N, C-alpha and C. Protein backbone atom coordinates (compact mmCIF):
# COMPACT_ATOMS: atom_id res chain seq x y z
N UNK A 1 0.84 -1.17 0.00
CA UNK A 1 0.00 0.00 0.00
C UNK A 1 0.89 1.24 0.00
N UNK A 2 0.51 2.21 -0.82
CA UNK A 2 1.28 3.45 -0.92
C UNK A 2 1.08 4.31 0.32
N UNK A 3 2.14 5.03 0.68
CA UNK A 3 2.02 6.00 1.76
C UNK A 3 1.36 7.24 1.20
N UNK A 4 0.23 7.60 1.81
CA UNK A 4 -0.49 8.77 1.35
C UNK A 4 0.03 9.98 2.12
N UNK A 5 0.72 10.85 1.42
CA UNK A 5 1.21 12.11 1.99
C UNK A 5 1.07 13.18 0.91
N UNK A 6 1.49 14.39 1.21
CA UNK A 6 1.31 15.47 0.24
C UNK A 6 2.10 15.23 -1.04
N UNK A 7 3.27 14.61 -0.94
CA UNK A 7 4.05 14.29 -2.14
C UNK A 7 3.26 13.33 -3.03
N UNK A 8 2.69 12.29 -2.43
CA UNK A 8 1.90 11.32 -3.19
C UNK A 8 0.68 12.01 -3.80
N UNK A 9 0.03 12.88 -3.03
CA UNK A 9 -1.16 13.57 -3.52
C UNK A 9 -0.82 14.41 -4.76
N UNK A 10 0.21 15.23 -4.65
CA UNK A 10 0.57 16.09 -5.79
C UNK A 10 1.09 15.26 -6.97
N UNK A 11 1.79 14.16 -6.68
CA UNK A 11 2.26 13.28 -7.75
C UNK A 11 1.07 12.63 -8.47
N UNK A 12 0.04 12.28 -7.71
CA UNK A 12 -1.18 11.72 -8.31
C UNK A 12 -1.81 12.72 -9.25
N UNK A 13 -1.96 13.96 -8.80
CA UNK A 13 -2.53 15.01 -9.66
C UNK A 13 -1.69 15.16 -10.93
N UNK A 14 -0.37 15.17 -10.75
CA UNK A 14 0.53 15.34 -11.90
C UNK A 14 0.43 14.14 -12.85
N UNK A 15 0.44 12.93 -12.30
CA UNK A 15 0.36 11.72 -13.13
C UNK A 15 -0.94 11.68 -13.95
N UNK A 16 -2.00 12.25 -13.40
CA UNK A 16 -3.29 12.27 -14.08
C UNK A 16 -3.47 13.50 -14.96
N UNK A 17 -2.42 14.31 -15.07
CA UNK A 17 -2.45 15.55 -15.85
C UNK A 17 -3.56 16.50 -15.39
N UNK A 18 -3.79 16.52 -14.08
CA UNK A 18 -4.77 17.45 -13.52
C UNK A 18 -4.06 18.78 -13.28
N UNK A 19 -4.77 19.86 -13.46
CA UNK A 19 -4.22 21.20 -13.31
C UNK A 19 -4.13 21.54 -11.82
N UNK A 20 -2.93 21.35 -11.26
CA UNK A 20 -2.73 21.56 -9.84
C UNK A 20 -3.06 22.99 -9.44
N UNK A 21 -2.67 23.95 -10.27
CA UNK A 21 -2.96 25.36 -9.96
C UNK A 21 -4.47 25.60 -9.88
N UNK A 22 -5.22 25.00 -10.80
CA UNK A 22 -6.66 25.18 -10.79
C UNK A 22 -7.29 24.51 -9.57
N UNK A 23 -6.79 23.34 -9.21
CA UNK A 23 -7.30 22.64 -8.03
C UNK A 23 -7.09 23.50 -6.79
N UNK A 24 -5.89 24.08 -6.68
CA UNK A 24 -5.60 24.94 -5.53
C UNK A 24 -6.43 26.20 -5.57
N UNK A 25 -6.62 26.78 -6.76
CA UNK A 25 -7.41 28.00 -6.89
C UNK A 25 -8.87 27.75 -6.50
N UNK A 26 -9.40 26.59 -6.89
CA UNK A 26 -10.78 26.25 -6.58
C UNK A 26 -10.92 25.69 -5.16
N UNK A 27 -9.80 25.39 -4.52
CA UNK A 27 -9.81 24.91 -3.15
C UNK A 27 -10.06 23.43 -3.00
N UNK A 28 -10.00 22.70 -4.10
CA UNK A 28 -10.16 21.25 -4.01
C UNK A 28 -10.79 20.66 -5.25
N UNK A 29 -11.42 19.51 -5.06
CA UNK A 29 -12.04 18.79 -6.16
C UNK A 29 -13.52 18.55 -5.88
N UNK A 30 -14.29 18.49 -6.93
CA UNK A 30 -15.73 18.25 -6.81
C UNK A 30 -15.97 16.76 -6.58
N UNK A 31 -16.66 16.45 -5.49
CA UNK A 31 -17.01 15.07 -5.19
C UNK A 31 -17.91 14.53 -6.31
N UNK A 32 -17.53 13.41 -6.87
CA UNK A 32 -18.30 12.84 -7.97
C UNK A 32 -17.92 13.39 -9.33
N UNK A 33 -17.07 14.43 -9.34
CA UNK A 33 -16.61 15.00 -10.60
C UNK A 33 -15.62 14.07 -11.29
N UNK A 34 -15.43 14.28 -12.58
CA UNK A 34 -14.54 13.42 -13.36
C UNK A 34 -13.12 13.36 -12.77
N UNK A 35 -12.59 14.52 -12.36
CA UNK A 35 -11.23 14.55 -11.82
C UNK A 35 -11.13 13.71 -10.55
N UNK A 36 -12.10 13.86 -9.66
CA UNK A 36 -12.08 13.10 -8.41
C UNK A 36 -12.22 11.60 -8.69
N UNK A 37 -13.07 11.24 -9.63
CA UNK A 37 -13.26 9.83 -9.95
C UNK A 37 -11.98 9.24 -10.55
N UNK A 38 -11.25 10.05 -11.32
CA UNK A 38 -9.95 9.61 -11.84
C UNK A 38 -8.97 9.35 -10.70
N UNK A 39 -8.98 10.24 -9.71
CA UNK A 39 -8.09 10.07 -8.55
C UNK A 39 -8.43 8.76 -7.84
N UNK A 40 -9.70 8.51 -7.60
CA UNK A 40 -10.11 7.28 -6.92
C UNK A 40 -9.63 6.06 -7.70
N UNK A 41 -9.84 6.06 -9.01
CA UNK A 41 -9.40 4.93 -9.83
C UNK A 41 -7.88 4.76 -9.76
N UNK A 42 -7.17 5.89 -9.77
CA UNK A 42 -5.71 5.86 -9.74
C UNK A 42 -5.20 5.26 -8.43
N UNK A 43 -5.74 5.73 -7.30
CA UNK A 43 -5.18 5.29 -6.01
C UNK A 43 -5.64 3.89 -5.62
N UNK A 44 -6.79 3.45 -6.13
CA UNK A 44 -7.28 2.11 -5.79
C UNK A 44 -6.93 1.08 -6.86
N UNK A 45 -6.70 1.55 -8.09
CA UNK A 45 -6.46 0.63 -9.19
C UNK A 45 -7.75 -0.04 -9.65
N UNK A 46 -8.88 0.56 -9.28
CA UNK A 46 -10.19 -0.01 -9.63
C UNK A 46 -11.06 1.05 -10.27
N UNK A 47 -12.13 0.61 -10.91
CA UNK A 47 -13.09 1.51 -11.53
C UNK A 47 -13.83 2.27 -10.43
N UNK A 48 -13.67 3.59 -10.42
CA UNK A 48 -14.28 4.41 -9.39
C UNK A 48 -15.81 4.36 -9.44
N UNK A 49 -16.34 4.01 -10.59
CA UNK A 49 -17.80 3.97 -10.73
C UNK A 49 -18.39 2.63 -10.30
N UNK A 50 -17.54 1.70 -9.87
CA UNK A 50 -17.98 0.40 -9.39
C UNK A 50 -17.61 0.27 -7.92
N UNK A 51 -18.28 1.04 -7.08
CA UNK A 51 -17.93 1.09 -5.67
C UNK A 51 -18.13 -0.25 -4.96
N UNK A 52 -18.91 -1.14 -5.54
CA UNK A 52 -19.11 -2.47 -4.93
C UNK A 52 -17.81 -3.27 -4.91
N UNK A 53 -16.87 -2.92 -5.78
CA UNK A 53 -15.61 -3.66 -5.84
C UNK A 53 -14.58 -3.18 -4.81
N UNK A 54 -14.87 -2.07 -4.12
CA UNK A 54 -13.91 -1.53 -3.16
C UNK A 54 -13.83 -2.39 -1.91
N UNK A 55 -12.60 -2.61 -1.47
CA UNK A 55 -12.36 -3.32 -0.22
C UNK A 55 -12.23 -2.30 0.90
N UNK A 56 -12.15 -2.80 2.11
CA UNK A 56 -11.93 -1.92 3.26
C UNK A 56 -10.64 -1.13 3.09
N UNK A 57 -9.60 -1.79 2.55
CA UNK A 57 -8.31 -1.13 2.34
C UNK A 57 -8.44 0.00 1.31
N UNK A 58 -9.25 -0.22 0.27
CA UNK A 58 -9.47 0.84 -0.72
C UNK A 58 -10.12 2.05 -0.07
N UNK A 59 -11.11 1.80 0.76
CA UNK A 59 -11.81 2.90 1.43
C UNK A 59 -10.89 3.65 2.37
N UNK A 60 -9.98 2.93 3.02
CA UNK A 60 -8.99 3.57 3.90
C UNK A 60 -8.07 4.47 3.07
N UNK A 61 -7.62 3.98 1.91
CA UNK A 61 -6.78 4.79 1.02
C UNK A 61 -7.49 6.08 0.62
N UNK A 62 -8.75 5.96 0.25
CA UNK A 62 -9.53 7.13 -0.16
C UNK A 62 -9.66 8.11 1.00
N UNK A 63 -9.96 7.60 2.20
CA UNK A 63 -10.08 8.46 3.38
C UNK A 63 -8.76 9.15 3.68
N UNK A 64 -7.65 8.42 3.57
CA UNK A 64 -6.34 9.02 3.83
C UNK A 64 -6.03 10.09 2.80
N UNK A 65 -6.38 9.86 1.54
CA UNK A 65 -6.13 10.85 0.50
C UNK A 65 -6.92 12.12 0.79
N UNK A 66 -8.19 11.97 1.18
CA UNK A 66 -9.03 13.12 1.52
C UNK A 66 -8.44 13.86 2.72
N UNK A 67 -7.95 13.13 3.70
CA UNK A 67 -7.34 13.75 4.87
C UNK A 67 -6.11 14.56 4.50
N UNK A 68 -5.27 14.03 3.60
CA UNK A 68 -4.08 14.76 3.15
C UNK A 68 -4.49 16.00 2.36
N UNK A 69 -5.54 15.87 1.55
CA UNK A 69 -6.05 17.06 0.85
C UNK A 69 -6.45 18.13 1.86
N UNK A 70 -7.19 17.73 2.89
CA UNK A 70 -7.60 18.68 3.94
C UNK A 70 -6.41 19.35 4.60
N UNK A 71 -5.40 18.55 4.92
CA UNK A 71 -4.19 19.08 5.55
C UNK A 71 -3.49 20.10 4.67
N UNK A 72 -3.70 20.01 3.37
CA UNK A 72 -3.08 20.93 2.41
C UNK A 72 -4.04 22.01 1.92
N UNK A 73 -5.14 22.18 2.65
CA UNK A 73 -6.09 23.25 2.33
C UNK A 73 -6.98 22.97 1.15
N UNK A 74 -7.09 21.70 0.76
CA UNK A 74 -7.94 21.33 -0.37
C UNK A 74 -9.13 20.52 0.15
N UNK A 75 -10.29 20.83 -0.39
CA UNK A 75 -11.50 20.17 0.06
C UNK A 75 -12.07 19.27 -1.03
N UNK A 76 -12.90 18.37 -0.61
CA UNK A 76 -13.72 17.60 -1.52
C UNK A 76 -15.12 18.18 -1.35
N UNK A 77 -15.59 18.91 -2.36
CA UNK A 77 -16.86 19.61 -2.21
C UNK A 77 -17.92 19.06 -3.12
């Protein structure tokens, strides 16, 4: 399991070609939005739209990612 920290968070945004400046300007990501769903798929390795396939570990990863976003002033809105 990957260590979820701010480096991992920003690397995830970069790997997905998400506009980090825009995310920071908007204060986070839209829950259920395409960008957020891409992040979920990236960090879990699963289809974000098939939540039935998520394990407890996947949900922990997602919670940790959200927590790191919060720590960096980014929200899931």
